[in-house]
Amino acid sequence: MIIFGSKAYLHQLAILTLVCGRCGNPSAHTLKKRVTKFTLFFVPLFAFSTKYATQCTFCGAEQRVTKEQADRLLAQSTGQAGGSPAYNQTEQQNPYQR
């Protein structure tokens, strides 16, 4: 008998100050990474799915973002993009609108 399945791991990458697309409030958002791994006999072997999302701490709305958007938000939060990481004018725009 072979036992296989999957297991998801949730990683919090950063906490950002953004304007929520749902409630319109400038509030803290958590940037999360969800990695799903294939398991064989309950041992995780390899990742087959990676998804990124932000969640508003004010209203709880969750919005999926692409890897590129997540990398850009993470770079801004650590100060690599220049300017103030917590309250930059470019960060106040909604990152998930095109």
N, C-alpha and C. Protein backbone atom coordinates (compact mmCIF):
# COMPACT_ATOMS: atom_id res chain seq x y z
N MET A 1 0.84 -1.17 0.00
CA MET A 1 0.00 0.00 0.00
C MET A 1 0.89 1.24 0.00
N ILE A 2 0.59 2.16 -0.91
CA ILE A 2 1.33 3.42 -1.00
C ILE A 2 0.41 4.54 -0.50
N ILE A 3 0.91 5.31 0.45
CA ILE A 3 0.15 6.42 1.01
C ILE A 3 0.73 7.73 0.47
N PHE A 4 -0.10 8.49 -0.25
CA PHE A 4 0.36 9.77 -0.79
C PHE A 4 -0.72 10.82 -0.59
N GLY A 5 -0.33 12.07 -0.74
CA GLY A 5 -1.27 13.18 -0.58
C GLY A 5 -0.57 14.50 -0.74
N SER A 6 -1.10 15.52 -0.08
CA SER A 6 -0.49 16.85 -0.16
C SER A 6 -0.66 17.56 1.18
N LYS A 7 0.21 18.54 1.40
CA LYS A 7 0.15 19.34 2.62
C LYS A 7 0.48 20.78 2.25
N ALA A 8 -0.30 21.71 2.80
CA ALA A 8 -0.09 23.13 2.51
C ALA A 8 0.64 23.79 3.67
N TYR A 9 1.56 24.67 3.34
CA TYR A 9 2.32 25.45 4.31
C TYR A 9 2.04 26.93 4.06
N LEU A 10 1.75 27.68 5.11
CA LEU A 10 1.43 29.10 4.99
C LEU A 10 2.55 29.91 5.65
N HIS A 11 3.15 30.82 4.87
CA HIS A 11 4.24 31.66 5.36
C HIS A 11 3.81 33.12 5.29
N GLN A 12 4.00 33.86 6.38
CA GLN A 12 3.73 35.30 6.38
C GLN A 12 5.03 35.99 5.99
N LEU A 13 5.02 36.71 4.85
CA LEU A 13 6.23 37.32 4.34
C LEU A 13 6.45 38.73 4.88
N ALA A 14 5.38 39.51 5.02
CA ALA A 14 5.53 40.90 5.46
C ALA A 14 4.18 41.45 5.90
N ILE A 15 4.25 42.57 6.60
CA ILE A 15 3.06 43.34 6.94
C ILE A 15 3.24 44.71 6.29
N LEU A 16 2.31 45.08 5.42
CA LEU A 16 2.40 46.30 4.62
C LEU A 16 1.25 47.25 4.94
N THR A 17 1.47 48.53 4.74
CA THR A 17 0.38 49.50 4.85
C THR A 17 -0.06 49.86 3.44
N LEU A 18 -1.28 49.45 3.10
CA LEU A 18 -1.85 49.68 1.77
C LEU A 18 -3.28 50.15 1.91
N VAL A 19 -3.82 50.70 0.82
CA VAL A 19 -5.24 51.05 0.78
C VAL A 19 -5.99 49.83 0.30
N CYS A 20 -6.97 49.40 1.10
CA CYS A 20 -7.73 48.20 0.77
C CYS A 20 -8.63 48.46 -0.44
N GLY A 21 -8.67 47.50 -1.35
CA GLY A 21 -9.52 47.61 -2.53
C GLY A 21 -10.99 47.41 -2.22
N ARG A 22 -11.30 46.79 -1.09
CA ARG A 22 -12.69 46.52 -0.73
C ARG A 22 -13.29 47.60 0.16
N CYS A 23 -12.61 47.90 1.29
CA CYS A 23 -13.18 48.87 2.24
C CYS A 23 -12.64 50.28 2.03
N GLY A 24 -11.53 50.45 1.30
CA GLY A 24 -10.99 51.77 1.01
C GLY A 24 -10.20 52.39 2.15
N ASN A 25 -9.93 51.66 3.21
CA ASN A 25 -9.19 52.19 4.35
C ASN A 25 -7.69 51.92 4.19
N PRO A 26 -6.84 52.89 4.53
CA PRO A 26 -5.41 52.62 4.57
C PRO A 26 -5.11 51.83 5.84
N SER A 27 -4.81 50.57 5.71
CA SER A 27 -4.61 49.71 6.88
C SER A 27 -3.49 48.71 6.61
N ALA A 28 -3.14 47.97 7.63
CA ALA A 28 -2.10 46.95 7.51
C ALA A 28 -2.64 45.76 6.71
N HIS A 29 -1.81 45.24 5.85
CA HIS A 29 -2.12 44.05 5.06
C HIS A 29 -1.01 43.04 5.29
N THR A 30 -1.37 41.79 5.45
CA THR A 30 -0.35 40.75 5.56
C THR A 30 -0.12 40.14 4.18
N LEU A 31 1.13 39.99 3.82
CA LEU A 31 1.51 39.35 2.56
C LEU A 31 1.84 37.90 2.89
N LYS A 32 1.08 36.97 2.31
CA LYS A 32 1.21 35.55 2.63
C LYS A 32 1.61 34.75 1.40
N LYS A 33 2.34 33.67 1.66
CA LYS A 33 2.74 32.73 0.61
C LYS A 33 2.26 31.35 1.04
N ARG A 34 1.49 30.69 0.16
CA ARG A 34 0.98 29.35 0.45
C ARG A 34 1.64 28.37 -0.51
N VAL A 35 2.38 27.41 0.07
CA VAL A 35 3.09 26.41 -0.71
C VAL A 35 2.45 25.06 -0.44
N THR A 36 2.03 24.37 -1.50
CA THR A 36 1.45 23.03 -1.37
C THR A 36 2.47 22.02 -1.87
N LYS A 37 2.75 21.02 -1.02
CA LYS A 37 3.77 20.02 -1.35
C LYS A 37 3.15 18.63 -1.47
N PHE A 38 3.68 17.85 -2.38
CA PHE A 38 3.30 16.45 -2.55
C PHE A 38 3.97 15.64 -1.44
N THR A 39 3.20 14.76 -0.80
CA THR A 39 3.76 13.93 0.27
C THR A 39 3.65 12.45 -0.10
N LEU A 40 4.65 11.70 0.29
CA LEU A 40 4.67 10.25 0.12
C LEU A 40 5.02 9.66 1.47
N PHE A 41 4.12 8.85 2.02
CA PHE A 41 4.25 8.31 3.37
C PHE A 41 4.45 9.44 4.39
N PHE A 42 3.68 10.50 4.22
CA PHE A 42 3.65 11.67 5.11
C PHE A 42 4.95 12.48 5.12
N VAL A 43 5.81 12.27 4.13
CA VAL A 43 7.05 13.04 4.00
C VAL A 43 6.88 13.99 2.81
N PRO A 44 6.98 15.32 3.04
CA PRO A 44 6.86 16.26 1.92
C PRO A 44 8.06 16.13 0.98
N LEU A 45 7.77 15.93 -0.31
CA LEU A 45 8.85 15.71 -1.28
C LEU A 45 9.15 16.93 -2.13
N PHE A 46 8.13 17.51 -2.78
CA PHE A 46 8.37 18.66 -3.65
C PHE A 46 7.13 19.54 -3.68
N ALA A 47 7.36 20.81 -3.95
CA ALA A 47 6.27 21.77 -4.05
C ALA A 47 5.68 21.73 -5.46
N PHE A 48 4.36 21.69 -5.54
CA PHE A 48 3.73 21.71 -6.85
C PHE A 48 2.79 22.89 -7.04
N SER A 49 2.61 23.71 -6.00
CA SER A 49 1.77 24.89 -6.12
C SER A 49 2.26 25.96 -5.14
N THR A 50 2.39 27.18 -5.65
CA THR A 50 2.76 28.32 -4.81
C THR A 50 1.84 29.48 -5.17
N LYS A 51 1.17 30.03 -4.16
CA LYS A 51 0.24 31.14 -4.37
C LYS A 51 0.54 32.24 -3.37
N TYR A 52 0.32 33.49 -3.80
CA TYR A 52 0.56 34.65 -2.96
C TYR A 52 -0.75 35.41 -2.78
N ALA A 53 -0.92 36.03 -1.61
CA ALA A 53 -2.14 36.80 -1.34
C ALA A 53 -1.84 37.87 -0.30
N THR A 54 -2.65 38.93 -0.32
CA THR A 54 -2.62 39.94 0.73
C THR A 54 -3.97 39.90 1.43
N GLN A 55 -3.97 40.17 2.74
CA GLN A 55 -5.21 40.18 3.50
C GLN A 55 -5.27 41.44 4.32
N CYS A 56 -6.38 42.16 4.20
CA CYS A 56 -6.61 43.40 4.95
C CYS A 56 -6.91 43.04 6.41
N THR A 57 -6.22 43.70 7.33
CA THR A 57 -6.47 43.43 8.74
C THR A 57 -7.66 44.21 9.26
N PHE A 58 -8.19 45.15 8.46
CA PHE A 58 -9.35 45.93 8.89
C PHE A 58 -10.66 45.20 8.58
N CYS A 59 -10.82 44.77 7.32
CA CYS A 59 -12.08 44.12 6.92
C CYS A 59 -11.94 42.63 6.66
N GLY A 60 -10.70 42.13 6.55
CA GLY A 60 -10.48 40.71 6.35
C GLY A 60 -10.50 40.26 4.90
N ALA A 61 -10.63 41.20 3.96
CA ALA A 61 -10.66 40.83 2.54
C ALA A 61 -9.31 40.29 2.10
N GLU A 62 -9.34 39.20 1.35
CA GLU A 62 -8.11 38.59 0.84
C GLU A 62 -8.08 38.73 -0.67
N GLN A 63 -6.93 39.14 -1.19
CA GLN A 63 -6.76 39.36 -2.63
C GLN A 63 -5.54 38.60 -3.09
N ARG A 64 -5.69 37.76 -4.12
CA ARG A 64 -4.55 37.04 -4.67
C ARG A 64 -3.71 37.99 -5.50
N VAL A 65 -2.39 37.82 -5.42
CA VAL A 65 -1.46 38.63 -6.21
C VAL A 65 -0.50 37.68 -6.92
N THR A 66 0.13 38.18 -7.97
CA THR A 66 1.10 37.37 -8.70
C THR A 66 2.43 37.36 -7.96
N LYS A 67 3.32 36.49 -8.38
CA LYS A 67 4.64 36.41 -7.77
C LYS A 67 5.41 37.71 -7.96
N GLU A 68 5.28 38.32 -9.13
CA GLU A 68 5.97 39.58 -9.40
C GLU A 68 5.46 40.69 -8.50
N GLN A 69 4.14 40.77 -8.31
CA GLN A 69 3.58 41.77 -7.41
C GLN A 69 4.03 41.52 -5.97
N ALA A 70 4.06 40.27 -5.55
CA ALA A 70 4.50 39.93 -4.20
C ALA A 70 5.97 40.30 -4.00
N ASP A 71 6.80 40.03 -5.00
CA ASP A 71 8.22 40.39 -4.91
C ASP A 71 8.40 41.91 -4.82
N ARG A 72 7.61 42.64 -5.60
CA ARG A 72 7.69 44.11 -5.58
C ARG A 72 7.24 44.66 -4.22
N LEU A 73 6.15 44.12 -3.68
CA LEU A 73 5.67 44.56 -2.37
C LEU A 73 6.66 44.21 -1.27
N LEU A 74 7.28 43.05 -1.37
CA LEU A 74 8.25 42.63 -0.39
C LEU A 74 9.50 43.51 -0.44
N ALA A 75 9.92 43.87 -1.65
CA ALA A 75 11.08 44.76 -1.80
C ALA A 75 10.77 46.14 -1.23
N GLN A 76 9.56 46.63 -1.43
CA GLN A 76 9.18 47.92 -0.88
C GLN A 76 9.11 47.88 0.64
N SER A 77 8.68 46.76 1.20
CA SER A 77 8.55 46.67 2.65
C SER A 77 9.91 46.61 3.33
N THR A 78 10.91 46.07 2.66
CA THR A 78 12.25 46.00 3.26
C THR A 78 13.08 47.23 2.96
N GLY A 79 12.53 48.17 2.18
CA GLY A 79 13.23 49.42 1.91
C GLY A 79 14.16 49.36 0.72
N GLN A 80 14.15 48.31 -0.07
CA GLN A 80 15.04 48.20 -1.21
C GLN A 80 14.60 49.07 -2.37
N ALA A 81 13.33 49.46 -2.39
CA ALA A 81 12.83 50.28 -3.49
C ALA A 81 13.06 51.76 -3.24
N GLY A 82 13.57 52.13 -2.08
CA GLY A 82 13.81 53.53 -1.76
C GLY A 82 12.60 54.16 -1.13
N GLY A 83 12.82 55.22 -0.39
CA GLY A 83 11.71 55.90 0.26
C GLY A 83 11.33 55.22 1.55
N SER A 84 10.27 55.69 2.15
CA SER A 84 9.80 55.12 3.40
C SER A 84 9.07 53.81 3.12
N PRO A 85 9.43 52.71 3.75
CA PRO A 85 8.79 51.43 3.43
C PRO A 85 7.35 51.34 3.89
N ALA A 86 6.97 52.08 4.92
CA ALA A 86 5.63 51.91 5.48
C ALA A 86 4.60 52.83 4.83
N TYR A 87 5.02 54.00 4.36
CA TYR A 87 4.02 54.95 3.88
C TYR A 87 4.55 55.72 2.69
N ASN A 88 4.78 55.03 1.60
CA ASN A 88 5.24 55.64 0.37
C ASN A 88 4.03 55.92 -0.51
N GLN A 89 4.04 57.02 -1.24
CA GLN A 89 2.89 57.41 -2.06
C GLN A 89 2.57 56.34 -3.10
N THR A 90 3.59 55.68 -3.68
CA THR A 90 3.33 54.66 -4.69
C THR A 90 2.72 53.41 -4.07
N GLU A 91 2.99 53.15 -2.79
CA GLU A 91 2.41 51.98 -2.14
C GLU A 91 0.94 52.18 -1.81
N GLN A 92 0.49 53.42 -1.73
CA GLN A 92 -0.88 53.67 -1.33
C GLN A 92 -1.87 53.37 -2.45
N GLN A 93 -1.38 53.19 -3.67
CA GLN A 93 -2.25 52.77 -4.75
C GLN A 93 -2.55 51.30 -4.57
N ASN A 94 -3.68 50.87 -5.07
CA ASN A 94 -4.10 49.48 -4.92
C ASN A 94 -3.19 48.61 -5.80
N PRO A 95 -2.39 47.68 -5.23
CA PRO A 95 -1.43 46.92 -6.01
C PRO A 95 -2.05 45.86 -6.92
N TYR A 96 -3.32 45.50 -6.69
CA TYR A 96 -3.88 44.43 -7.50
C TYR A 96 -4.81 44.93 -8.60
N GLN A 97 -4.89 46.23 -8.78
CA GLN A 97 -5.65 46.75 -9.92
C GLN A 97 -4.69 46.97 -11.07
N ARG A 98 -5.15 46.71 -12.25
CA ARG A 98 -4.27 46.86 -13.43
C ARG A 98 -4.35 48.25 -13.96
